[in-house]
N, C-alpha and C. Protein backbone atom coordinates (compact mmCIF):
# COMPACT_ATOMS: atom_id res chain seq x y z
N MET A 1 0.83 -1.18 0.00
CA MET A 1 0.00 0.00 0.00
C MET A 1 0.87 1.25 0.00
N GLU A 2 1.70 1.40 -1.00
CA GLU A 2 2.59 2.54 -1.08
C GLU A 2 1.82 3.85 -1.08
N ASN A 3 2.43 4.87 -0.47
CA ASN A 3 1.85 6.20 -0.38
C ASN A 3 0.53 6.21 0.38
N LYS A 4 0.38 5.30 1.29
CA LYS A 4 -0.80 5.23 2.13
C LYS A 4 -0.37 5.40 3.58
N ALA A 5 -1.32 5.78 4.41
CA ALA A 5 -1.05 5.98 5.83
C ALA A 5 -1.80 4.95 6.66
N ALA A 6 -1.15 4.52 7.73
CA ALA A 6 -1.77 3.58 8.67
C ALA A 6 -1.72 4.21 10.06
N VAL A 7 -2.71 3.86 10.86
CA VAL A 7 -2.79 4.36 12.23
C VAL A 7 -2.93 3.17 13.17
N LEU A 8 -2.07 3.12 14.18
CA LEU A 8 -2.06 2.02 15.14
C LEU A 8 -2.32 2.56 16.53
N GLY A 9 -3.34 2.02 17.18
CA GLY A 9 -3.67 2.45 18.54
C GLY A 9 -4.94 1.77 19.00
N ASP A 10 -5.44 2.20 20.15
CA ASP A 10 -6.69 1.63 20.62
C ASP A 10 -7.85 2.24 19.83
N VAL A 11 -9.05 1.72 20.04
CA VAL A 11 -10.22 2.12 19.26
C VAL A 11 -10.45 3.63 19.34
N ASP A 12 -10.37 4.21 20.52
CA ASP A 12 -10.61 5.63 20.68
C ASP A 12 -9.59 6.48 19.92
N PHE A 13 -8.37 5.98 19.81
CA PHE A 13 -7.32 6.71 19.09
C PHE A 13 -7.52 6.64 17.58
N VAL A 14 -7.82 5.47 17.05
CA VAL A 14 -7.88 5.30 15.60
C VAL A 14 -9.18 5.78 14.97
N LEU A 15 -10.26 5.88 15.74
CA LEU A 15 -11.57 6.23 15.19
C LEU A 15 -11.58 7.54 14.39
N PRO A 16 -11.03 8.63 14.90
CA PRO A 16 -11.04 9.87 14.09
C PRO A 16 -10.25 9.73 12.78
N PHE A 17 -9.18 8.96 12.80
CA PHE A 17 -8.38 8.75 11.59
C PHE A 17 -9.15 7.92 10.57
N SER A 18 -9.95 6.99 11.06
CA SER A 18 -10.78 6.17 10.19
C SER A 18 -11.78 7.04 9.45
N ALA A 19 -12.32 8.03 10.14
CA ALA A 19 -13.28 8.95 9.53
C ALA A 19 -12.63 9.76 8.41
N LEU A 20 -11.31 9.93 8.48
CA LEU A 20 -10.58 10.66 7.44
C LEU A 20 -10.19 9.75 6.28
N GLY A 21 -10.49 8.47 6.39
CA GLY A 21 -10.21 7.53 5.32
C GLY A 21 -8.87 6.83 5.41
N LEU A 22 -8.16 7.00 6.53
CA LEU A 22 -6.88 6.31 6.71
C LEU A 22 -7.13 4.86 7.12
N ASP A 23 -6.17 4.01 6.83
CA ASP A 23 -6.26 2.61 7.25
C ASP A 23 -5.90 2.53 8.73
N THR A 24 -6.79 1.96 9.51
CA THR A 24 -6.58 1.93 10.95
C THR A 24 -6.44 0.51 11.45
N TYR A 25 -5.64 0.38 12.49
CA TYR A 25 -5.39 -0.89 13.17
C TYR A 25 -5.68 -0.68 14.65
N ALA A 26 -6.90 -1.03 15.04
CA ALA A 26 -7.31 -0.89 16.43
C ALA A 26 -6.86 -2.12 17.20
N VAL A 27 -6.14 -1.90 18.29
CA VAL A 27 -5.65 -3.00 19.11
C VAL A 27 -5.96 -2.72 20.57
N ASP A 28 -6.01 -3.79 21.36
CA ASP A 28 -6.14 -3.61 22.80
C ASP A 28 -4.72 -3.52 23.37
N SER A 29 -4.57 -3.64 24.65
CA SER A 29 -3.24 -3.47 25.26
C SER A 29 -2.40 -4.75 25.24
N SER A 30 -2.87 -5.78 24.55
CA SER A 30 -2.14 -7.04 24.45
C SER A 30 -0.89 -6.86 23.58
N ALA A 31 0.26 -7.19 24.14
CA ALA A 31 1.52 -7.06 23.41
C ALA A 31 1.50 -7.90 22.14
N GLU A 32 0.88 -9.06 22.20
CA GLU A 32 0.81 -9.93 21.03
C GLU A 32 0.02 -9.27 19.90
N LYS A 33 -1.13 -8.69 20.22
CA LYS A 33 -1.97 -8.03 19.20
C LYS A 33 -1.25 -6.81 18.62
N ILE A 34 -0.55 -6.07 19.47
CA ILE A 34 0.17 -4.88 19.02
C ILE A 34 1.28 -5.26 18.06
N THR A 35 2.07 -6.27 18.41
CA THR A 35 3.17 -6.67 17.53
C THR A 35 2.66 -7.29 16.23
N GLU A 36 1.56 -8.02 16.29
CA GLU A 36 0.97 -8.58 15.06
C GLU A 36 0.51 -7.46 14.13
N ALA A 37 -0.17 -6.47 14.68
CA ALA A 37 -0.66 -5.35 13.87
C ALA A 37 0.51 -4.55 13.30
N ALA A 38 1.53 -4.30 14.10
CA ALA A 38 2.71 -3.57 13.62
C ALA A 38 3.40 -4.33 12.49
N ALA A 39 3.52 -5.63 12.62
CA ALA A 39 4.13 -6.45 11.57
C ALA A 39 3.29 -6.40 10.29
N GLU A 40 1.98 -6.43 10.43
CA GLU A 40 1.10 -6.35 9.26
C GLU A 40 1.25 -5.00 8.56
N ILE A 41 1.38 -3.94 9.34
CA ILE A 41 1.58 -2.61 8.76
C ILE A 41 2.88 -2.57 7.95
N ILE A 42 3.96 -3.11 8.51
CA ILE A 42 5.24 -3.14 7.80
C ILE A 42 5.12 -3.97 6.52
N GLU A 43 4.47 -5.13 6.61
CA GLU A 43 4.31 -6.00 5.43
C GLU A 43 3.52 -5.32 4.32
N ASN A 44 2.59 -4.43 4.68
CA ASN A 44 1.75 -3.75 3.69
C ASN A 44 2.39 -2.48 3.12
N ASN A 45 3.64 -2.22 3.49
CA ASN A 45 4.42 -1.13 2.92
C ASN A 45 3.76 0.25 2.97
N TYR A 46 3.28 0.62 4.14
CA TYR A 46 2.74 1.96 4.32
C TYR A 46 3.87 2.97 4.32
N SER A 47 3.60 4.16 3.80
CA SER A 47 4.60 5.22 3.76
C SER A 47 4.62 6.04 5.04
N PHE A 48 3.47 6.18 5.67
CA PHE A 48 3.32 7.01 6.86
C PHE A 48 2.55 6.23 7.91
N ILE A 49 3.10 6.15 9.12
CA ILE A 49 2.48 5.38 10.19
C ILE A 49 2.35 6.26 11.43
N VAL A 50 1.14 6.37 11.95
CA VAL A 50 0.88 7.10 13.18
C VAL A 50 0.64 6.07 14.28
N VAL A 51 1.35 6.21 15.39
CA VAL A 51 1.25 5.25 16.48
C VAL A 51 0.91 5.98 17.77
N ALA A 52 -0.07 5.47 18.51
CA ALA A 52 -0.42 6.04 19.81
C ALA A 52 0.72 5.80 20.79
N GLU A 53 1.04 6.82 21.57
CA GLU A 53 2.17 6.73 22.50
C GLU A 53 2.04 5.59 23.49
N ASN A 54 0.82 5.30 23.94
CA ASN A 54 0.65 4.28 24.98
C ASN A 54 0.98 2.86 24.50
N ILE A 55 1.07 2.65 23.19
CA ILE A 55 1.46 1.33 22.69
C ILE A 55 2.76 1.36 21.89
N ALA A 56 3.33 2.53 21.72
CA ALA A 56 4.51 2.70 20.87
C ALA A 56 5.71 1.91 21.35
N ALA A 57 5.91 1.80 22.65
CA ALA A 57 7.08 1.07 23.16
C ALA A 57 7.02 -0.40 22.76
N ILE A 58 5.84 -0.97 22.71
CA ILE A 58 5.69 -2.37 22.31
C ILE A 58 5.84 -2.50 20.79
N ALA A 59 5.20 -1.61 20.04
CA ALA A 59 5.29 -1.64 18.57
C ALA A 59 6.69 -1.31 18.09
N ASP A 60 7.44 -0.56 18.88
CA ASP A 60 8.79 -0.16 18.49
C ASP A 60 9.70 -1.34 18.22
N LYS A 61 9.45 -2.44 18.90
CA LYS A 61 10.27 -3.64 18.68
C LYS A 61 10.13 -4.13 17.23
N VAL A 62 8.96 -3.98 16.66
CA VAL A 62 8.73 -4.38 15.27
C VAL A 62 9.23 -3.30 14.31
N PHE A 63 8.94 -2.05 14.64
CA PHE A 63 9.30 -0.94 13.77
C PHE A 63 10.81 -0.69 13.74
N ALA A 64 11.55 -1.24 14.69
CA ALA A 64 13.01 -1.04 14.74
C ALA A 64 13.69 -1.50 13.45
N ALA A 65 13.11 -2.48 12.79
CA ALA A 65 13.70 -3.00 11.56
C ALA A 65 13.70 -1.99 10.42
N VAL A 66 12.81 -0.99 10.49
CA VAL A 66 12.71 0.00 9.41
C VAL A 66 12.98 1.43 9.87
N GLU A 67 13.40 1.60 11.12
CA GLU A 67 13.53 2.95 11.66
C GLU A 67 14.63 3.78 11.00
N ASN A 68 15.61 3.16 10.37
CA ASN A 68 16.68 3.91 9.72
C ASN A 68 16.44 4.10 8.23
N LYS A 69 15.28 3.72 7.76
CA LYS A 69 14.92 3.90 6.35
C LYS A 69 14.10 5.18 6.20
N ALA A 70 14.13 5.75 5.01
CA ALA A 70 13.35 6.96 4.75
C ALA A 70 11.85 6.69 4.78
N VAL A 71 11.47 5.52 4.34
CA VAL A 71 10.06 5.13 4.32
C VAL A 71 9.95 3.79 5.02
N PRO A 72 9.08 3.63 5.95
CA PRO A 72 7.99 4.52 6.32
C PRO A 72 8.42 5.57 7.34
N CYS A 73 7.68 6.66 7.34
CA CYS A 73 7.84 7.69 8.36
C CYS A 73 6.91 7.30 9.51
N ILE A 74 7.48 7.08 10.68
CA ILE A 74 6.69 6.65 11.84
C ILE A 74 6.63 7.79 12.83
N VAL A 75 5.41 8.21 13.17
CA VAL A 75 5.20 9.32 14.09
C VAL A 75 4.45 8.80 15.31
N VAL A 76 5.02 9.06 16.48
CA VAL A 76 4.38 8.66 17.75
C VAL A 76 3.64 9.87 18.30
N VAL A 77 2.36 9.67 18.62
CA VAL A 77 1.50 10.76 19.04
C VAL A 77 0.93 10.47 20.43
N PRO A 78 1.06 11.42 21.36
CA PRO A 78 0.40 11.24 22.67
C PRO A 78 -1.12 11.31 22.49
N PHE A 79 -1.84 10.64 23.39
CA PHE A 79 -3.30 10.67 23.28
C PHE A 79 -3.90 10.98 24.64
N THR A 80 -4.88 10.20 25.07
CA THR A 80 -5.61 10.53 26.29
C THR A 80 -4.91 10.08 27.56
N THR A 81 -3.98 9.18 27.44
CA THR A 81 -3.29 8.71 28.64
C THR A 81 -2.21 9.72 29.03
N GLU A 82 -1.72 9.60 30.22
CA GLU A 82 -0.62 10.45 30.69
C GLU A 82 0.59 10.23 29.80
N PRO A 83 1.15 11.28 29.22
CA PRO A 83 2.33 11.10 28.36
C PRO A 83 3.47 10.43 29.12
N SER A 84 4.10 9.48 28.46
CA SER A 84 5.20 8.76 29.09
C SER A 84 6.55 9.32 28.68
N GLY A 85 6.55 10.22 27.71
CA GLY A 85 7.80 10.77 27.21
C GLY A 85 8.32 10.02 26.00
N PHE A 86 7.67 8.92 25.63
CA PHE A 86 8.12 8.12 24.50
C PHE A 86 8.03 8.93 23.20
N ALA A 87 6.93 9.68 23.03
CA ALA A 87 6.75 10.47 21.81
C ALA A 87 7.84 11.53 21.69
N THR A 88 8.17 12.18 22.79
CA THR A 88 9.22 13.20 22.78
C THR A 88 10.57 12.60 22.46
N ARG A 89 10.86 11.44 23.05
CA ARG A 89 12.14 10.77 22.76
C ARG A 89 12.21 10.32 21.30
N ALA A 90 11.10 9.82 20.77
CA ALA A 90 11.07 9.37 19.38
C ALA A 90 11.29 10.55 18.44
N LEU A 91 10.65 11.68 18.71
CA LEU A 91 10.84 12.87 17.89
C LEU A 91 12.28 13.36 17.99
N SER A 92 12.82 13.35 19.18
CA SER A 92 14.21 13.76 19.39
C SER A 92 15.17 12.89 18.59
N ASP A 93 14.94 11.58 18.58
CA ASP A 93 15.80 10.66 17.82
C ASP A 93 15.74 10.94 16.33
N VAL A 94 14.54 11.21 15.81
CA VAL A 94 14.38 11.48 14.39
C VAL A 94 15.06 12.80 14.03
N LEU A 95 14.87 13.82 14.87
CA LEU A 95 15.50 15.11 14.60
C LEU A 95 17.02 15.01 14.67
N LYS A 96 17.53 14.22 15.60
CA LYS A 96 18.97 14.03 15.70
C LYS A 96 19.51 13.32 14.47
N MET A 97 18.77 12.32 13.97
CA MET A 97 19.19 11.61 12.78
C MET A 97 19.19 12.55 11.57
N ALA A 98 18.18 13.43 11.49
CA ALA A 98 18.06 14.33 10.34
C ALA A 98 19.07 15.47 10.37
N THR A 99 19.35 15.99 11.57
CA THR A 99 20.21 17.18 11.66
C THR A 99 21.63 16.89 12.12
N GLY A 100 21.80 15.76 12.78
CA GLY A 100 23.12 15.42 13.31
C GLY A 100 23.38 16.01 14.69
N ILE A 101 22.43 16.76 15.22
CA ILE A 101 22.59 17.33 16.57
C ILE A 101 21.32 17.05 17.38
N ASP A 102 21.51 17.00 18.67
CA ASP A 102 20.38 16.76 19.58
C ASP A 102 19.77 18.09 19.96
N ILE A 103 18.84 18.60 19.14
CA ILE A 103 18.29 19.92 19.38
C ILE A 103 17.25 19.95 20.50
N MET A 104 16.83 18.78 20.97
CA MET A 104 15.84 18.72 22.04
C MET A 104 16.47 18.35 23.39
N GLN A 105 17.78 18.40 23.48
CA GLN A 105 18.44 18.01 24.72
C GLN A 105 18.12 18.98 25.85
N ASP A 106 18.08 18.46 27.04
CA ASP A 106 17.87 19.29 28.24
C ASP A 106 19.22 19.71 28.76
N ASP A 107 19.41 21.01 28.89
CA ASP A 107 20.68 21.50 29.43
C ASP A 107 20.52 21.88 30.89
């Protein structure tokens, strides 16, 4: 599914994206379901992947295989749960890879 976007998260997270016509993967908090859905997303060659922060740490194990490639672009988004900092760290890593400097470092 080249040039398509996928959204991975719980039902409440993916529902608005579904209304926009994006391909959504609603999962519960089961690590097995999350990794299966993440693997399916990778197999389907999505260009852009939105992941809910509360499941990103589990899905990251699958997405690690493609994290140094230009495609897919994986964006971690905080949602209704208390932010864990995973989204900020993921953004920081991507910015560091793109610029060569850690522009989000705490001094």
